[in-house]
Amino acid sequence: MKILLTGSSGLIGKKLNGALKARGDEVLIAKRGTTSERNTVSWEIDRAELSGVGLSNLDAVVHLAGAPIAQKRWSPERKAEIYDSRINATRSIFQAVEKLEVPKVRFVIASAIGFYGDQGDKILDEKSPGGVGFLAKVTTDWEKAAAPINQDGWSVALARTGIVLDSRGGALA
């Protein structure tokens, strides 16, 4: 498979990139701004544009990009960065792929269990309603940003992950 990966510098992205390559997949890394690195393409988020070698015949897009939530204090500016880095980037990657005029690819888009907010001891599943609070709003709007992708007939899977644990990064580092 030929897979376009965003968020490859994050904890999940690094691991996934390695696993996909080990499996024999061709992975193209979308990087912001201009790049000439091998197996990378330039992604201009504000203009929703991808450019570089190898963008034809994509099979899938795995979209993991977003500002880390635990890296800095949540000032109003940081909250805006967390929010915008998810919602705007999700819209951008879809619009950019759509402009390539490739056959409809599959999208796997990151989300988070923050969608549910704090609902106490309730048992929750993917049919449960979203919660309240900052992260619940971010993830709800993030998933809404992916809705037009599905409505346009593209295949979309949302991956609501929890806290990622790894001795080399994330919450355990």
C-alpha atoms as a PDB file:
ATOM      1  CA  MET A   1       0.000   0.000   0.000  1.00  0.00           C
ATOM      2  CA  LYS A   2       1.048   3.595  -0.531  1.00  0.00           C
ATOM      3  CA  ILE A   3       0.223   5.584   2.606  1.00  0.00           C
ATOM      4  CA  LEU A   4       0.480   9.312   3.260  1.00  0.00           C
ATOM      5  CA  LEU A   5       1.272   9.950   6.935  1.00  0.00           C
ATOM      6  CA  THR A   6       0.865  13.219   8.836  1.00  0.00           C
ATOM      7  CA  GLY A   7       2.134  13.622  12.389  1.00  0.00           C
ATOM      8  CA  SER A   8       5.095  11.320  11.781  1.00  0.00           C
ATOM      9  CA  SER A   9       7.252  13.073  14.393  1.00  0.00           C
ATOM     10  CA  GLY A  10       4.877  12.203  17.228  1.00  0.00           C
ATOM     11  CA  LEU A  11       4.997   9.107  19.401  1.00  0.00           C
ATOM     12  CA  ILE A  12       2.350   7.163  17.477  1.00  0.00           C
ATOM     13  CA  GLY A  13       3.525   8.465  14.107  1.00  0.00           C
ATOM     14  CA  LYS A  14       7.119   7.313  14.633  1.00  0.00           C
ATOM     15  CA  LYS A  15       6.035   3.820  15.656  1.00  0.00           C
ATOM     16  CA  LEU A  16       3.449   3.538  12.890  1.00  0.00           C
ATOM     17  CA  ASN A  17       5.898   4.718  10.230  1.00  0.00           C
ATOM     18  CA  GLY A  18       8.364   2.014  11.248  1.00  0.00           C
ATOM     19  CA  ALA A  19       5.692  -0.697  11.437  1.00  0.00           C
ATOM     20  CA  LEU A  20       4.242   0.182   8.030  1.00  0.00           C
ATOM     21  CA  LYS A  21       7.669   0.160   6.392  1.00  0.00           C
ATOM     22  CA  ALA A  22       8.535  -3.159   8.073  1.00  0.00           C
ATOM     23  CA  ARG A  23       5.306  -4.562   6.628  1.00  0.00           C
ATOM     24  CA  GLY A  24       6.421  -3.500   3.156  1.00  0.00           C
ATOM     25  CA  ASP A  25       4.200  -0.455   2.699  1.00  0.00           C
ATOM     26  CA  GLU A  26       5.430   2.661   0.936  1.00  0.00           C
ATOM     27  CA  VAL A  27       5.098   5.577   3.365  1.00  0.00           C
ATOM     28  CA  LEU A  28       5.135   9.213   2.279  1.00  0.00           C
ATOM     29  CA  ILE A  29       5.597  11.697   5.103  1.00  0.00           C
ATOM     30  CA  ALA A  30       3.701  14.987   4.846  1.00  0.00           C
ATOM     31  CA  LYS A  31       5.809  17.793   6.317  1.00  0.00           C
ATOM     32  CA  ARG A  32       4.831  21.417   6.727  1.00  0.00           C
ATOM     33  CA  GLY A  33       6.574  23.789   4.405  1.00  0.00           C
ATOM     34  CA  THR A  34       9.037  22.969   1.665  1.00  0.00           C
ATOM     35  CA  THR A  35      10.995  19.738   1.842  1.00  0.00           C
ATOM     36  CA  SER A  36      13.300  17.832  -0.454  1.00  0.00           C
ATOM     37  CA  GLU A  37      13.851  14.851   1.835  1.00  0.00           C
ATOM     38  CA  ARG A  38      13.348  11.404   0.350  1.00  0.00           C
ATOM     39  CA  ASN A  39       9.843   9.954   0.827  1.00  0.00           C
ATOM     40  CA  THR A  40       8.469  13.278   2.038  1.00  0.00           C
ATOM     41  CA  VAL A  41       6.005  15.672   0.495  1.00  0.00           C
ATOM     42  CA  SER A  42       5.391  19.320   1.278  1.00  0.00           C
ATOM     43  CA  TRP A  43       2.127  20.169   3.009  1.00  0.00           C
ATOM     44  CA  GLU A  44       0.988  23.782   3.008  1.00  0.00           C
ATOM     45  CA  ILE A  45      -1.754  23.578   5.634  1.00  0.00           C
ATOM     46  CA  ASP A  46      -3.076  27.120   5.150  1.00  0.00           C
ATOM     47  CA  ARG A  47      -3.448  26.586   1.396  1.00  0.00           C
ATOM     48  CA  ALA A  48      -4.499  22.914   1.641  1.00  0.00           C
ATOM     49  CA  GLU A  49      -1.813  21.860  -0.826  1.00  0.00           C
ATOM     50  CA  LEU A  50       0.457  18.854  -1.098  1.00  0.00           C
ATOM     51  CA  SER A  51       3.407  18.759  -3.478  1.00  0.00           C
ATOM     52  CA  GLY A  52       6.188  16.324  -4.124  1.00  0.00           C
ATOM     53  CA  VAL A  53       7.077  13.090  -5.831  1.00  0.00           C
ATOM     54  CA  GLY A  54       4.941   9.994  -5.360  1.00  0.00           C
ATOM     55  CA  LEU A  55       1.525  11.461  -4.601  1.00  0.00           C
ATOM     56  CA  SER A  56      -0.243   9.544  -7.355  1.00  0.00           C
ATOM     57  CA  ASN A  57      -1.843   6.203  -6.588  1.00  0.00           C
ATOM     58  CA  LEU A  58      -2.276   6.782  -2.860  1.00  0.00           C
ATOM     59  CA  ASP A  59      -4.187   4.030  -1.080  1.00  0.00           C
ATOM     60  CA  ALA A  60      -4.620   5.647   2.318  1.00  0.00           C
ATOM     61  CA  VAL A  61      -3.999   8.714   4.443  1.00  0.00           C
ATOM     62  CA  VAL A  62      -3.226   8.351   8.142  1.00  0.00           C
ATOM     63  CA  HIS A  63      -3.711  11.759   9.719  1.00  0.00           C
ATOM     64  CA  LEU A  64      -2.148  12.052  13.182  1.00  0.00           C
ATOM     65  CA  ALA A  65      -0.986  15.690  13.130  1.00  0.00           C
ATOM     66  CA  GLY A  66      -1.803  17.963  16.051  1.00  0.00           C
ATOM     67  CA  ALA A  67      -0.031  19.989  18.738  1.00  0.00           C
ATOM     68  CA  PRO A  68       0.805  17.871  21.818  1.00  0.00           C
ATOM     69  CA  ILE A  69      -1.699  18.474  24.619  1.00  0.00           C
ATOM     70  CA  ALA A  70       0.645  17.879  27.563  1.00  0.00           C
ATOM     71  CA  GLN A  71       3.741  19.735  26.400  1.00  0.00           C
ATOM     72  CA  LYS A  72       2.881  23.231  27.705  1.00  0.00           C
ATOM     73  CA  ARG A  73       0.477  24.999  30.058  1.00  0.00           C
ATOM     74  CA  TRP A  74      -2.953  25.614  28.606  1.00  0.00           C
ATOM     75  CA  SER A  75      -2.889  29.354  28.149  1.00  0.00           C
ATOM     76  CA  PRO A  76      -5.586  30.780  25.870  1.00  0.00           C
ATOM     77  CA  GLU A  77      -2.976  30.862  23.087  1.00  0.00           C
ATOM     78  CA  ARG A  78      -1.966  27.239  23.664  1.00  0.00           C
ATOM     79  CA  LYS A  79      -5.606  26.125  23.699  1.00  0.00           C
ATOM     80  CA  ALA A  80      -6.114  27.876  20.366  1.00  0.00           C
ATOM     81  CA  GLU A  81      -3.022  26.126  18.988  1.00  0.00           C
ATOM     82  CA  ILE A  82      -4.266  22.702  20.174  1.00  0.00           C
ATOM     83  CA  TYR A  83      -7.698  23.355  18.673  1.00  0.00           C
ATOM     84  CA  ASP A  84      -6.533  24.841  15.369  1.00  0.00           C
ATOM     85  CA  SER A  85      -3.816  22.226  14.818  1.00  0.00           C
ATOM     86  CA  ARG A  86      -6.473  19.529  14.759  1.00  0.00           C
ATOM     87  CA  ILE A  87      -9.491  21.087  13.105  1.00  0.00           C
ATOM     88  CA  ASN A  88      -7.671  23.139  10.458  1.00  0.00           C
ATOM     89  CA  ALA A  89      -5.198  20.358   9.658  1.00  0.00           C
ATOM     90  CA  THR A  90      -7.999  17.803   9.227  1.00  0.00           C
ATOM     91  CA  ARG A  91      -9.819  20.053   6.785  1.00  0.00           C
ATOM     92  CA  SER A  92      -6.559  20.863   5.030  1.00  0.00           C
ATOM     93  CA  ILE A  93      -5.349  17.300   4.495  1.00  0.00           C
ATOM     94  CA  PHE A  94      -8.670  16.245   2.993  1.00  0.00           C
ATOM     95  CA  GLN A  95      -8.864  19.278   0.705  1.00  0.00           C
ATOM     96  CA  ALA A  96      -5.237  18.772  -0.329  1.00  0.00           C
ATOM     97  CA  VAL A  97      -5.770  15.096  -1.188  1.00  0.00           C
ATOM     98  CA  GLU A  98      -9.004  15.941  -2.986  1.00  0.00           C
ATOM     99  CA  LYS A  99      -7.094  18.442  -5.177  1.00  0.00           C
ATOM    100  CA  LEU A 100      -4.721  15.668  -6.262  1.00  0.00           C
ATOM    101  CA  GLU A 101      -7.584  14.087  -8.189  1.00  0.00           C
ATOM    102  CA  VAL A 102      -6.550  10.599  -7.092  1.00  0.00           C
ATOM    103  CA  PRO A 103      -9.108   7.824  -6.706  1.00  0.00           C
ATOM    104  CA  LYS A 104     -10.892   8.016  -3.370  1.00  0.00           C
ATOM    105  CA  VAL A 105      -8.463   6.816  -0.728  1.00  0.00           C
ATOM    106  CA  ARG A 106      -9.125   5.583   2.783  1.00  0.00           C
ATOM    107  CA  PHE A 107      -8.575   7.994   5.653  1.00  0.00           C
ATOM    108  CA  VAL A 108      -7.656   7.078   9.216  1.00  0.00           C
ATOM    109  CA  ILE A 109      -7.962  10.208  11.325  1.00  0.00           C
ATOM    110  CA  ALA A 110      -6.761  10.543  14.893  1.00  0.00           C
ATOM    111  CA  SER A 111      -9.221  11.505  17.584  1.00  0.00           C
ATOM    112  CA  ALA A 112      -9.142  10.948  21.330  1.00  0.00           C
ATOM    113  CA  ILE A 113     -11.143   9.643  24.246  1.00  0.00           C
ATOM    114  CA  GLY A 114     -11.227  13.250  25.417  1.00  0.00           C
ATOM    115  CA  PHE A 115     -14.378  13.291  23.270  1.00  0.00           C
ATOM    116  CA  TYR A 116     -16.279  11.785  26.208  1.00  0.00           C
ATOM    117  CA  GLY A 117     -15.132  14.293  28.821  1.00  0.00           C
ATOM    118  CA  ASP A 118     -15.470  13.297  32.472  1.00  0.00           C
ATOM    119  CA  GLN A 119     -18.588  11.162  32.701  1.00  0.00           C
ATOM    120  CA  GLY A 120     -17.700   9.478  35.972  1.00  0.00           C
ATOM    121  CA  ASP A 121     -18.147   5.714  36.118  1.00  0.00           C
ATOM    122  CA  LYS A 122     -20.418   5.483  33.077  1.00  0.00           C
ATOM    123  CA  ILE A 123     -19.595   2.741  30.625  1.00  0.00           C
ATOM    124  CA  LEU A 124     -18.956   4.485  27.315  1.00  0.00           C
ATOM    125  CA  ASP A 125     -18.671   3.280  23.742  1.00  0.00           C
ATOM    126  CA  GLU A 126     -18.529   4.899  20.309  1.00  0.00           C
ATOM    127  CA  LYS A 127     -22.274   5.539  20.396  1.00  0.00           C
ATOM    128  CA  SER A 128     -22.053   7.488  23.676  1.00  0.00           C
ATOM    129  CA  PRO A 129     -22.563  11.243  23.481  1.00  0.00           C
ATOM    130  CA  GLY A 130     -19.680  13.646  23.724  1.00  0.00           C
ATOM    131  CA  GLY A 131     -18.885  15.263  27.033  1.00  0.00           C
ATOM    132  CA  VAL A 132     -18.239  18.829  28.107  1.00  0.00           C
ATOM    133  CA  GLY A 133     -15.023  20.748  28.613  1.00  0.00           C
ATOM    134  CA  PHE A 134     -12.136  21.872  26.464  1.00  0.00           C
ATOM    135  CA  LEU A 135     -10.902  18.478  25.225  1.00  0.00           C
ATOM    136  CA  ALA A 136     -14.437  17.264  24.602  1.00  0.00           C
ATOM    137  CA  LYS A 137     -15.049  20.338  22.423  1.00  0.00           C
ATOM    138  CA  VAL A 138     -11.748  19.887  20.590  1.00  0.00           C
ATOM    139  CA  THR A 139     -12.406  16.237  19.784  1.00  0.00           C
ATOM    140  CA  THR A 140     -16.069  16.815  18.904  1.00  0.00           C
ATOM    141  CA  ASP A 141     -15.112  19.573  16.466  1.00  0.00           C
ATOM    142  CA  TRP A 142     -12.177  17.496  15.199  1.00  0.00           C
ATOM    143  CA  GLU A 143     -14.521  14.662  14.308  1.00  0.00           C
ATOM    144  CA  LYS A 144     -16.984  17.122  12.755  1.00  0.00           C
ATOM    145  CA  ALA A 145     -14.126  18.413  10.577  1.00  0.00           C
ATOM    146  CA  ALA A 146     -13.807  14.858   9.234  1.00  0.00           C
ATOM    147  CA  ALA A 147     -17.549  14.504   8.514  1.00  0.00           C
ATOM    148  CA  PRO A 148     -17.437  16.070   5.014  1.00  0.00           C
ATOM    149  CA  ILE A 149     -14.834  13.482   4.025  1.00  0.00           C
ATOM    150  CA  ASN A 150     -17.327  10.711   4.750  1.00  0.00           C
ATOM    151  CA  GLN A 151     -20.172  12.621   3.094  1.00  0.00           C
ATOM    152  CA  ASP A 152     -18.142  12.909  -0.096  1.00  0.00           C
ATOM    153  CA  GLY A 153     -17.982   9.118  -0.310  1.00  0.00           C
ATOM    154  CA  TRP A 154     -14.467   8.622   0.979  1.00  0.00           C
ATOM    155  CA  SER A 155     -13.855   5.892   3.562  1.00  0.00           C
ATOM    156  CA  VAL A 156     -13.054   7.355   6.996  1.00  0.00           C
ATOM    157  CA  ALA A 157     -12.136   5.705  10.288  1.00  0.00           C
ATOM    158  CA  LEU A 158     -11.724   7.762  13.452  1.00  0.00           C
ATOM    159  CA  ALA A 159      -9.208   6.415  15.970  1.00  0.00           C
ATOM    160  CA  ARG A 160     -10.193   7.549  19.491  1.00  0.00           C
ATOM    161  CA  THR A 161      -7.019   6.801  21.386  1.00  0.00           C
ATOM    162  CA  GLY A 162      -6.415   7.157  25.093  1.00  0.00           C
ATOM    163  CA  ILE A 163      -3.215   8.237  26.817  1.00  0.00           C
ATOM    164  CA  VAL A 164      -0.283   6.684  24.974  1.00  0.00           C
ATOM    165  CA  LEU A 165       2.196   4.920  27.245  1.00  0.00           C
ATOM    166  CA  ASP A 166       5.771   4.290  26.143  1.00  0.00           C
ATOM    167  CA  SER A 167       9.003   4.332  28.115  1.00  0.00           C
ATOM    168  CA  ARG A 168      10.649   6.534  25.453  1.00  0.00           C
ATOM    169  CA  GLY A 169       7.958   9.184  25.163  1.00  0.00           C
ATOM    170  CA  GLY A 170       4.504  10.325  26.140  1.00  0.00           C
ATOM    171  CA  ALA A 171       3.181  10.047  29.689  1.00  0.00           C
ATOM    172  CA  LEU A 172       5.864   7.612  30.935  1.00  0.00           C
ATOM    173  CA  ALA A 173       8.949   9.434  29.672  1.00  0.00           C
END
